[in-house]
Amino acid sequence: MIMAEVRPRWDNPDEWLAMDFVKLTYVKSRKIWKLYWMRASGKWERYEPGRKDKQLENLIAVIREDRYGCFFG
């Protein structure tokens, strides 16, 4: 599952951009969710090494908190 920020382009408000910023993957064999964030390089990186959870809601709370400014700057 990927979440994206959607907003008008700064130099052309008639054009809209979607920028991915969160990726959640489910590991079925272990029944856990893993959380990733998009680096400026365009590569996905695990959020807090080892961060995983069985409850998706817990990771949504981590995204909202954004302790390190990885998701919302």
PDB file of N, CA and C in Angstrom:
ATOM      1  N   MET A   1       0.848  -1.159   0.000  1.00  0.00           N
ATOM      2  CA  MET A   1       0.000   0.000   0.000  1.00  0.00           C
ATOM      3  C   MET A   1       0.901   1.232   0.000  1.00  0.00           C
ATOM      4  N   ILE A   2       0.636   2.148  -0.904  1.00  0.00           N
ATOM      5  CA  ILE A   2       1.414   3.388  -0.990  1.00  0.00           C
ATOM      6  C   ILE A   2       0.489   4.577  -0.774  1.00  0.00           C
ATOM      7  N   MET A   3       0.950   5.532   0.032  1.00  0.00           N
ATOM      8  CA  MET A   3       0.216   6.774   0.253  1.00  0.00           C
ATOM      9  C   MET A   3       0.935   7.892  -0.485  1.00  0.00           C
ATOM     10  N   ALA A   4       0.174   8.806  -1.053  1.00  0.00           N
ATOM     11  CA  ALA A   4       0.760   9.907  -1.810  1.00  0.00           C
ATOM     12  C   ALA A   4       0.122  11.227  -1.416  1.00  0.00           C
ATOM     13  N   GLU A   5       0.922  12.274  -1.495  1.00  0.00           N
ATOM     14  CA  GLU A   5       0.423  13.637  -1.310  1.00  0.00           C
ATOM     15  C   GLU A   5       0.021  14.149  -2.693  1.00  0.00           C
ATOM     16  N   VAL A   6      -1.174  14.684  -2.806  1.00  0.00           N
ATOM     17  CA  VAL A   6      -1.661  15.210  -4.083  1.00  0.00           C
ATOM     18  C   VAL A   6      -1.885  16.709  -3.918  1.00  0.00           C
ATOM     19  N   ARG A   7      -1.246  17.483  -4.810  1.00  0.00           N
ATOM     20  CA  ARG A   7      -1.384  18.939  -4.729  1.00  0.00           C
ATOM     21  C   ARG A   7      -1.138  19.557  -6.098  1.00  0.00           C
ATOM     22  N   PRO A   8      -1.575  20.816  -6.277  1.00  0.00           N
ATOM     23  CA  PRO A   8      -1.340  21.479  -7.563  1.00  0.00           C
ATOM     24  C   PRO A   8       0.148  21.777  -7.751  1.00  0.00           C
ATOM     25  N   ARG A   9       0.572  21.734  -8.982  1.00  0.00           N
ATOM     26  CA  ARG A   9       1.955  22.063  -9.307  1.00  0.00           C
ATOM     27  C   ARG A   9       2.191  23.546  -9.008  1.00  0.00           C
ATOM     28  N   TRP A  10       3.348  23.891  -8.434  1.00  0.00           N
ATOM     29  CA  TRP A  10       3.610  25.258  -7.977  1.00  0.00           C
ATOM     30  C   TRP A  10       3.608  26.274  -9.116  1.00  0.00           C
ATOM     31  N   ASP A  11       4.067  25.854 -10.319  1.00  0.00           N
ATOM     32  CA  ASP A  11       4.161  26.809 -11.421  1.00  0.00           C
ATOM     33  C   ASP A  11       3.023  26.684 -12.434  1.00  0.00           C
ATOM     34  N   ASN A  12       2.118  25.740 -12.175  1.00  0.00           N
ATOM     35  CA  ASN A  12       0.957  25.553 -13.046  1.00  0.00           C
ATOM     36  C   ASN A  12      -0.169  24.938 -12.211  1.00  0.00           C
ATOM     37  N   PRO A  13      -0.962  25.767 -11.531  1.00  0.00           N
ATOM     38  CA  PRO A  13      -1.991  25.260 -10.619  1.00  0.00           C
ATOM     39  C   PRO A  13      -3.056  24.392 -11.293  1.00  0.00           C
ATOM     40  N   ASP A  14      -3.123  24.410 -12.613  1.00  0.00           N
ATOM     41  CA  ASP A  14      -4.087  23.557 -13.308  1.00  0.00           C
ATOM     42  C   ASP A  14      -3.596  22.112 -13.399  1.00  0.00           C
ATOM     43  N   GLU A  15      -2.315  21.899 -13.149  1.00  0.00           N
ATOM     44  CA  GLU A  15      -1.731  20.564 -13.206  1.00  0.00           C
ATOM     45  C   GLU A  15      -1.521  20.044 -11.780  1.00  0.00           C
ATOM     46  N   TRP A  16      -1.924  18.812 -11.537  1.00  0.00           N
ATOM     47  CA  TRP A  16      -1.814  18.229 -10.205  1.00  0.00           C
ATOM     48  C   TRP A  16      -0.707  17.182 -10.174  1.00  0.00           C
ATOM     49  N   LEU A  17       0.004  17.121  -9.048  1.00  0.00           N
ATOM     50  CA  LEU A  17       1.083  16.163  -8.850  1.00  0.00           C
ATOM     51  C   LEU A  17       0.737  15.223  -7.704  1.00  0.00           C
ATOM     52  N   ALA A  18       1.154  13.981  -7.828  1.00  0.00           N
ATOM     53  CA  ALA A  18       1.027  13.005  -6.745  1.00  0.00           C
ATOM     54  C   ALA A  18       2.430  12.552  -6.385  1.00  0.00           C
ATOM     55  N   MET A  19       2.803  12.739  -5.122  1.00  0.00           N
ATOM     56  CA  MET A  19       4.140  12.369  -4.671  1.00  0.00           C
ATOM     57  C   MET A  19       4.030  11.316  -3.569  1.00  0.00           C
ATOM     58  N   ASP A  20       4.572  10.122  -3.838  1.00  0.00           N
ATOM     59  CA  ASP A  20       4.544   9.039  -2.857  1.00  0.00           C
ATOM     60  C   ASP A  20       5.384   9.415  -1.645  1.00  0.00           C
ATOM     61  N   PHE A  21       4.888   9.076  -0.438  1.00  0.00           N
ATOM     62  CA  PHE A  21       5.679   9.377   0.753  1.00  0.00           C
ATOM     63  C   PHE A  21       5.645   8.276   1.802  1.00  0.00           C
ATOM     64  N   VAL A  22       4.744   7.313   1.682  1.00  0.00           N
ATOM     65  CA  VAL A  22       4.663   6.198   2.626  1.00  0.00           C
ATOM     66  C   VAL A  22       4.409   4.912   1.851  1.00  0.00           C
ATOM     67  N   LYS A  23       5.096   3.851   2.282  1.00  0.00           N
ATOM     68  CA  LYS A  23       4.811   2.522   1.734  1.00  0.00           C
ATOM     69  C   LYS A  23       4.673   1.566   2.903  1.00  0.00           C
ATOM     70  N   LEU A  24       3.586   0.825   2.920  1.00  0.00           N
ATOM     71  CA  LEU A  24       3.343  -0.194   3.929  1.00  0.00           C
ATOM     72  C   LEU A  24       3.264  -1.536   3.213  1.00  0.00           C
ATOM     73  N   THR A  25       4.032  -2.506   3.685  1.00  0.00           N
ATOM     74  CA  THR A  25       3.975  -3.836   3.082  1.00  0.00           C
ATOM     75  C   THR A  25       3.561  -4.842   4.139  1.00  0.00           C
ATOM     76  N   TYR A  26       2.810  -5.835   3.713  1.00  0.00           N
ATOM     77  CA  TYR A  26       2.343  -6.881   4.620  1.00  0.00           C
ATOM     78  C   TYR A  26       3.093  -8.165   4.313  1.00  0.00           C
ATOM     79  N   VAL A  27       3.715  -8.731   5.346  1.00  0.00           N
ATOM     80  CA  VAL A  27       4.423  -9.997   5.215  1.00  0.00           C
ATOM     81  C   VAL A  27       3.481 -11.079   5.727  1.00  0.00           C
ATOM     82  N   LYS A  28       2.834 -11.758   4.804  1.00  0.00           N
ATOM     83  CA  LYS A  28       1.785 -12.712   5.140  1.00  0.00           C
ATOM     84  C   LYS A  28       2.295 -13.855   6.022  1.00  0.00           C
ATOM     85  N   SER A  29       3.484 -14.357   5.734  1.00  0.00           N
ATOM     86  CA  SER A  29       4.018 -15.493   6.491  1.00  0.00           C
ATOM     87  C   SER A  29       4.284 -15.155   7.956  1.00  0.00           C
ATOM     88  N   ARG A  30       4.577 -13.876   8.245  1.00  0.00           N
ATOM     89  CA  ARG A  30       4.860 -13.452   9.621  1.00  0.00           C
ATOM     90  C   ARG A  30       3.725 -12.637  10.224  1.00  0.00           C
ATOM     91  N   LYS A  31       2.732 -12.313   9.394  1.00  0.00           N
ATOM     92  CA  LYS A  31       1.562 -11.536   9.822  1.00  0.00           C
ATOM     93  C   LYS A  31       1.967 -10.195  10.445  1.00  0.00           C
ATOM     94  N   ILE A  32       2.850  -9.477   9.735  1.00  0.00           N
ATOM     95  CA  ILE A  32       3.295  -8.164  10.209  1.00  0.00           C
ATOM     96  C   ILE A  32       3.275  -7.162   9.061  1.00  0.00           C
ATOM     97  N   TRP A  33       3.164  -5.895   9.422  1.00  0.00           N
ATOM     98  CA  TRP A  33       3.266  -4.779   8.482  1.00  0.00           C
ATOM     99  C   TRP A  33       4.624  -4.126   8.666  1.00  0.00           C
ATOM    100  N   LYS A  34       5.246  -3.698   7.559  1.00  0.00           N
ATOM    101  CA  LYS A  34       6.508  -2.964   7.593  1.00  0.00           C
ATOM    102  C   LYS A  34       6.269  -1.577   7.011  1.00  0.00           C
ATOM    103  N   LEU A  35       6.949  -0.594   7.571  1.00  0.00           N
ATOM    104  CA  LEU A  35       6.754   0.803   7.201  1.00  0.00           C
ATOM    105  C   LEU A  35       8.012   1.351   6.522  1.00  0.00           C
ATOM    106  N   TYR A  36       7.814   2.039   5.387  1.00  0.00           N
ATOM    107  CA  TYR A  36       8.913   2.637   4.630  1.00  0.00           C
ATOM    108  C   TYR A  36       8.607   4.099   4.349  1.00  0.00           C
ATOM    109  N   TRP A  37       9.654   4.901   4.136  1.00  0.00           N
ATOM    110  CA  TRP A  37       9.504   6.306   3.754  1.00  0.00           C
ATOM    111  C   TRP A  37      10.348   6.559   2.515  1.00  0.00           C
ATOM    112  N   MET A  38       9.965   7.564   1.737  1.00  0.00           N
ATOM    113  CA  MET A  38      10.641   7.888   0.481  1.00  0.00           C
ATOM    114  C   MET A  38      11.747   8.899   0.737  1.00  0.00           C
ATOM    115  N   ARG A  39      12.985   8.522   0.420  1.00  0.00           N
ATOM    116  CA  ARG A  39      14.128   9.439   0.543  1.00  0.00           C
ATOM    117  C   ARG A  39      14.114  10.431  -0.616  1.00  0.00           C
ATOM    118  N   ALA A  40      14.848  11.513  -0.488  1.00  0.00           N
ATOM    119  CA  ALA A  40      14.943  12.511  -1.553  1.00  0.00           C
ATOM    120  C   ALA A  40      15.517  11.902  -2.833  1.00  0.00           C
ATOM    121  N   SER A  41      16.265  10.811  -2.691  1.00  0.00           N
ATOM    122  CA  SER A  41      16.851  10.129  -3.844  1.00  0.00           C
ATOM    123  C   SER A  41      15.806   9.341  -4.634  1.00  0.00           C
ATOM    124  N   GLY A  42      14.600   9.213  -4.071  1.00  0.00           N
ATOM    125  CA  GLY A  42      13.551   8.442  -4.722  1.00  0.00           C
ATOM    126  C   GLY A  42      13.546   6.975  -4.314  1.00  0.00           C
ATOM    127  N   LYS A  43      14.370   6.616  -3.340  1.00  0.00           N
ATOM    128  CA  LYS A  43      14.440   5.229  -2.880  1.00  0.00           C
ATOM    129  C   LYS A  43      13.683   5.077  -1.565  1.00  0.00           C
ATOM    130  N   TRP A  44      13.028   3.921  -1.418  1.00  0.00           N
ATOM    131  CA  TRP A  44      12.313   3.611  -0.187  1.00  0.00           C
ATOM    132  C   TRP A  44      13.301   3.135   0.861  1.00  0.00           C
ATOM    133  N   GLU A  45      13.082   3.571   2.112  1.00  0.00           N
ATOM    134  CA  GLU A  45      13.931   3.147   3.222  1.00  0.00           C
ATOM    135  C   GLU A  45      13.037   2.762   4.396  1.00  0.00           C
ATOM    136  N   ARG A  46      13.442   1.702   5.115  1.00  0.00           N
ATOM    137  CA  ARG A  46      12.673   1.291   6.296  1.00  0.00           C
ATOM    138  C   ARG A  46      12.670   2.422   7.311  1.00  0.00           C
ATOM    139  N   TYR A  47      11.521   2.678   7.881  1.00  0.00           N
ATOM    140  CA  TYR A  47      11.380   3.695   8.921  1.00  0.00           C
ATOM    141  C   TYR A  47      11.789   3.079  10.245  1.00  0.00           C
ATOM    142  N   GLU A  48      12.656   3.721  10.985  1.00  0.00           N
ATOM    143  CA  GLU A  48      13.191   3.183  12.233  1.00  0.00           C
ATOM    144  C   GLU A  48      13.589   1.735  11.988  1.00  0.00           C
ATOM    145  N   PRO A  49      14.856   1.465  11.820  1.00  0.00           N
ATOM    146  CA  PRO A  49      15.275   0.076  11.534  1.00  0.00           C
ATOM    147  C   PRO A  49      14.575  -0.922  12.442  1.00  0.00           C
ATOM    148  N   GLY A  50      13.966  -1.889  11.811  1.00  0.00           N
ATOM    149  CA  GLY A  50      13.251  -2.913  12.554  1.00  0.00           C
ATOM    150  C   GLY A  50      11.809  -2.554  12.882  1.00  0.00           C
ATOM    151  N   ARG A  51      11.341  -1.367  12.448  1.00  0.00           N
ATOM    152  CA  ARG A  51       9.964  -0.965  12.780  1.00  0.00           C
ATOM    153  C   ARG A  51       8.972  -1.818  12.000  1.00  0.00           C
ATOM    154  N   LYS A  52       8.189  -2.569  12.738  1.00  0.00           N
ATOM    155  CA  LYS A  52       7.128  -3.384  12.155  1.00  0.00           C
ATOM    156  C   LYS A  52       6.070  -3.575  13.222  1.00  0.00           C
ATOM    157  N   ASP A  53       4.883  -3.968  12.792  1.00  0.00           N
ATOM    158  CA  ASP A  53       3.796  -4.120  13.749  1.00  0.00           C
ATOM    159  C   ASP A  53       2.755  -5.057  13.186  1.00  0.00           C
ATOM    160  N   LYS A  54       2.058  -5.762  14.053  1.00  0.00           N
ATOM    161  CA  LYS A  54       0.976  -6.636  13.601  1.00  0.00           C
ATOM    162  C   LYS A  54      -0.294  -5.850  13.318  1.00  0.00           C
ATOM    163  N   GLN A  55      -0.424  -4.657  13.905  1.00  0.00           N
ATOM    164  CA  GLN A  55      -1.611  -3.836  13.742  1.00  0.00           C
ATOM    165  C   GLN A  55      -1.317  -2.645  12.830  1.00  0.00           C
ATOM    166  N   LEU A  56      -2.009  -2.566  11.719  1.00  0.00           N
ATOM    167  CA  LEU A  56      -1.834  -1.468  10.775  1.00  0.00           C
ATOM    168  C   LEU A  56      -2.113  -0.122  11.449  1.00  0.00           C
ATOM    169  N   GLU A  57      -3.084  -0.075  12.343  1.00  0.00           N
ATOM    170  CA  GLU A  57      -3.451   1.168  13.021  1.00  0.00           C
ATOM    171  C   GLU A  57      -2.277   1.757  13.799  1.00  0.00           C
ATOM    172  N   ASN A  58      -1.422   0.904  14.357  1.00  0.00           N
ATOM    173  CA  ASN A  58      -0.264   1.392  15.105  1.00  0.00           C
ATOM    174  C   ASN A  58       0.722   2.107  14.182  1.00  0.00           C
ATOM    175  N   LEU A  59       0.894   1.596  12.972  1.00  0.00           N
ATOM    176  CA  LEU A  59       1.802   2.243  12.032  1.00  0.00           C
ATOM    177  C   LEU A  59       1.199   3.534  11.483  1.00  0.00           C
ATOM    178  N   ILE A  60      -0.110   3.581  11.328  1.00  0.00           N
ATOM    179  CA  ILE A  60      -0.774   4.827  10.916  1.00  0.00           C
ATOM    180  C   ILE A  60      -0.523   5.908  11.975  1.00  0.00           C
ATOM    181  N   ALA A  61      -0.565   5.526  13.245  1.00  0.00           N
ATOM    182  CA  ALA A  61      -0.276   6.479  14.329  1.00  0.00           C
ATOM    183  C   ALA A  61       1.168   6.971  14.246  1.00  0.00           C
ATOM    184  N   VAL A  62       2.103   6.096  13.897  1.00  0.00           N
ATOM    185  CA  VAL A  62       3.509   6.484  13.745  1.00  0.00           C
ATOM    186  C   VAL A  62       3.646   7.491  12.603  1.00  0.00           C
ATOM    187  N   ILE A  63       2.932   7.257  11.502  1.00  0.00           N
ATOM    188  CA  ILE A  63       2.968   8.184  10.363  1.00  0.00           C
ATOM    189  C   ILE A  63       2.428   9.549  10.787  1.00  0.00           C
ATOM    190  N   ARG A  64       1.316   9.563  11.498  1.00  0.00           N
ATOM    191  CA  ARG A  64       0.730  10.837  11.948  1.00  0.00           C
ATOM    192  C   ARG A  64       1.665  11.583  12.891  1.00  0.00           C
ATOM    193  N   GLU A  65       2.315  10.861  13.783  1.00  0.00           N
ATOM    194  CA  GLU A  65       3.245  11.497  14.728  1.00  0.00           C
ATOM    195  C   GLU A  65       4.457  12.069  13.981  1.00  0.00           C
ATOM    196  N   ASP A  66       4.986  11.316  13.025  1.00  0.00           N
ATOM    197  CA  ASP A  66       6.123  11.746  12.190  1.00  0.00           C
ATOM    198  C   ASP A  66       7.253  12.337  13.030  1.00  0.00           C
ATOM    199  N   ARG A  67       7.698  11.592  14.012  1.00  0.00           N
ATOM    200  CA  ARG A  67       8.712  12.033  14.965  1.00  0.00           C
ATOM    201  C   ARG A  67       9.977  12.578  14.314  1.00  0.00           C
ATOM    202  N   TYR A  68      10.407  12.001  13.195  1.00  0.00           N
ATOM    203  CA  TYR A  68      11.667  12.398  12.553  1.00  0.00           C
ATOM    204  C   TYR A  68      11.471  13.282  11.323  1.00  0.00           C
ATOM    205  N   GLY A  69      10.250  13.638  11.002  1.00  0.00           N
ATOM    206  CA  GLY A  69       9.984  14.510   9.850  1.00  0.00           C
ATOM    207  C   GLY A  69      10.202  13.827   8.512  1.00  0.00           C
ATOM    208  N   CYS A  70      10.064  12.530   8.475  1.00  0.00           N
ATOM    209  CA  CYS A  70      10.274  11.782   7.223  1.00  0.00           C
ATOM    210  C   CYS A  70       9.069  11.851   6.285  1.00  0.00           C
ATOM    211  N   PHE A  71       7.875  11.987   6.831  1.00  0.00           N
ATOM    212  CA  PHE A  71       6.674  11.926   6.008  1.00  0.00           C
ATOM    213  C   PHE A  71       6.139  13.308   5.611  1.00  0.00           C
ATOM    214  N   PHE A  72       6.129  14.206   6.564  1.00  0.00           N
ATOM    215  CA  PHE A  72       5.536  15.523   6.308  1.00  0.00           C
ATOM    216  C   PHE A  72       6.541  16.664   6.415  1.00  0.00           C
ATOM    217  N   GLY A  73       7.822  16.314   6.516  1.00  0.00           N
ATOM    218  CA  GLY A  73       8.885  17.336   6.571  1.00  0.00           C
ATOM    219  C   GLY A  73       8.983  17.901   7.894  1.00  0.00           C
TER     220      GLY A  73
END
